[in-house]
Amino acid sequence: MARTKTTGPTEKELQILSILWKNGACTVREVNKIMNRNENTGYTTTLKQMQMMFEKGLLKRDENSKSHIYSPVQSESFIQEEVLGNILDKIFSGSVGKLVLHALSTKKISQQELASIKKVISQKEKEL
């Protein structure tokens, strides 16, 4: 079933997607075990969430074995672009500059991250 919402995944859905991006295709039990390292989440809660994600088109499901194996439909970078685009439009009125200035002024940044940002800025300046 195709995904019709444009709001992007919820926080819990992103948590599950992150587990699947990091670990590859998993059963519900495997995802639940990883989730329980940080917070107590019931198996049936994880099962229901993943079933809903399948229905929304966020996950695909291999039903060839006794335990269904789930994997993300979209790549991590695709979802990041979708979520960031929504944040950019809704919170920063489409202004990339406002988003970057806010991010840089509110969070600590490493020298390596700063160097990467400077490199992107330099590339963007050449495109102007």
Protein backbone atom coordinates (compact mmCIF):
# COMPACT_ATOMS: atom_id res chain seq x y z
CA MET A 1 0.00 0.00 0.00
CA ALA A 2 1.40 3.41 -0.96
CA ARG A 3 2.11 5.98 1.67
CA THR A 4 -0.24 8.94 1.40
CA LYS A 5 0.81 11.13 4.32
CA THR A 6 3.44 13.79 3.81
CA THR A 7 4.02 14.51 7.47
CA GLY A 8 6.77 11.94 7.78
CA PRO A 9 7.30 9.21 10.36
CA THR A 10 6.47 9.72 14.02
CA GLU A 11 9.17 9.63 16.70
CA LYS A 12 8.46 5.93 17.46
CA GLU A 13 8.45 5.09 13.77
CA LEU A 14 11.82 6.81 13.37
CA GLN A 15 13.13 4.79 16.30
CA ILE A 16 12.09 1.54 14.60
CA LEU A 17 13.40 2.69 11.22
CA SER A 18 16.75 3.58 12.82
CA ILE A 19 17.02 0.09 14.26
CA LEU A 20 16.30 -1.46 10.87
CA TRP A 21 18.72 0.85 9.02
CA LYS A 22 21.47 0.00 11.48
CA ASN A 23 20.82 -3.75 11.83
CA GLY A 24 19.21 -4.69 8.52
CA ALA A 25 16.00 -6.68 8.18
CA CYS A 26 14.67 -7.92 11.54
CA THR A 27 11.76 -9.72 13.13
CA VAL A 28 9.48 -7.86 15.53
CA ARG A 29 11.09 -9.72 18.43
CA GLU A 30 14.57 -8.54 17.39
CA VAL A 31 13.41 -4.92 17.05
CA ASN A 32 11.63 -5.12 20.41
CA LYS A 33 14.75 -6.52 22.10
CA ILE A 34 16.84 -3.60 20.82
CA MET A 35 14.16 -1.06 21.80
CA ASN A 36 14.10 -2.49 25.33
CA ARG A 37 17.75 -1.54 25.84
CA ASN A 38 16.59 2.07 26.35
CA GLU A 39 12.99 1.80 27.52
CA ASN A 40 10.55 -0.95 28.41
CA THR A 41 8.35 -1.54 25.36
CA GLY A 42 5.96 -4.45 25.21
CA TYR A 43 6.25 -6.93 22.36
CA THR A 44 2.64 -6.40 21.29
CA THR A 45 3.18 -2.63 21.22
CA THR A 46 6.16 -3.07 18.89
CA LEU A 47 4.20 -5.58 16.80
CA LYS A 48 1.24 -3.23 16.38
CA GLN A 49 3.52 -0.28 15.56
CA MET A 50 5.36 -2.26 12.90
CA GLN A 51 2.09 -3.55 11.42
CA MET A 52 0.85 0.04 11.16
CA MET A 53 4.14 1.08 9.57
CA PHE A 54 3.70 -1.73 7.02
CA GLU A 55 0.18 -0.47 6.26
CA LYS A 56 1.50 3.11 5.89
CA GLY A 57 4.12 1.92 3.42
CA LEU A 58 7.11 2.63 5.68
CA LEU A 59 8.07 -1.05 6.02
CA LYS A 60 8.01 -4.07 3.76
CA ARG A 61 7.44 -7.53 5.16
CA ASP A 62 8.84 -10.91 4.11
CA GLU A 63 6.21 -13.48 5.03
CA ASN A 64 8.13 -16.54 3.79
CA SER A 65 9.17 -17.69 7.27
CA LYS A 66 7.24 -18.32 10.48
CA SER A 67 8.31 -14.95 11.89
CA HIS A 68 7.75 -12.06 9.52
CA ILE A 69 10.90 -10.14 8.68
CA TYR A 70 10.57 -6.37 8.28
CA SER A 71 12.78 -3.91 6.46
CA PRO A 72 12.46 -0.22 5.58
CA VAL A 73 10.95 0.75 2.24
CA GLN A 74 13.00 3.96 2.02
CA SER A 75 16.64 4.68 2.76
CA GLU A 76 17.72 6.66 5.79
CA SER A 77 18.80 9.60 3.61
CA PHE A 78 15.42 9.70 1.83
CA ILE A 79 13.52 9.88 5.13
CA GLN A 80 15.97 12.47 6.50
CA GLU A 81 15.33 14.67 3.45
CA GLU A 82 11.56 14.24 3.81
CA VAL A 83 11.53 15.07 7.53
CA LEU A 84 13.96 17.97 7.13
CA GLY A 85 11.90 19.35 4.24
CA ASN A 86 8.79 19.30 6.42
CA ILE A 87 10.61 21.03 9.29
CA LEU A 88 12.09 23.57 6.90
CA ASP A 89 8.68 24.43 5.46
CA LYS A 90 6.64 24.35 8.67
CA ILE A 91 9.00 25.92 11.18
CA PHE A 92 11.48 27.98 9.17
CA SER A 93 9.17 29.23 6.38
CA GLY A 94 11.32 27.44 3.80
CA SER A 95 14.47 29.36 4.78
CA VAL A 96 17.55 27.14 4.75
CA GLY A 97 19.55 30.01 6.26
CA LYS A 98 17.25 30.30 9.28
CA LEU A 99 17.43 26.55 9.86
CA VAL A 100 21.23 26.44 9.64
CA LEU A 101 21.70 29.53 11.83
CA HIS A 102 19.35 28.12 14.45
CA ALA A 103 21.01 24.70 14.41
CA LEU A 104 24.51 26.19 14.69
CA SER A 105 23.55 28.54 17.52
CA THR A 106 21.74 25.99 19.69
CA LYS A 107 23.90 22.85 19.50
CA LYS A 108 27.57 22.13 20.07
CA ILE A 109 29.49 21.19 16.95
CA SER A 110 32.76 19.33 16.46
CA GLN A 111 35.67 20.64 14.41
CA GLN A 112 35.06 17.87 11.89
CA GLU A 113 31.37 18.82 11.51
CA LEU A 114 32.29 22.49 11.17
CA ALA A 115 34.84 21.67 8.46
CA SER A 116 32.18 19.67 6.58
CA ILE A 117 29.73 22.56 6.83
CA LYS A 118 32.36 25.02 5.57
CA LYS A 119 33.06 22.72 2.63
CA VAL A 120 29.36 22.62 1.67
CA ILE A 121 29.10 26.40 2.01
CA SER A 122 32.14 26.82 -0.23
CA GLN A 123 30.58 24.53 -2.84
CA LYS A 124 27.27 26.44 -2.65
CA GLU A 125 29.11 29.76 -3.11
CA LYS A 126 30.63 28.44 -6.34
CA GLU A 127 27.13 27.56 -7.60
CA LEU A 128 25.91 31.17 -7.21
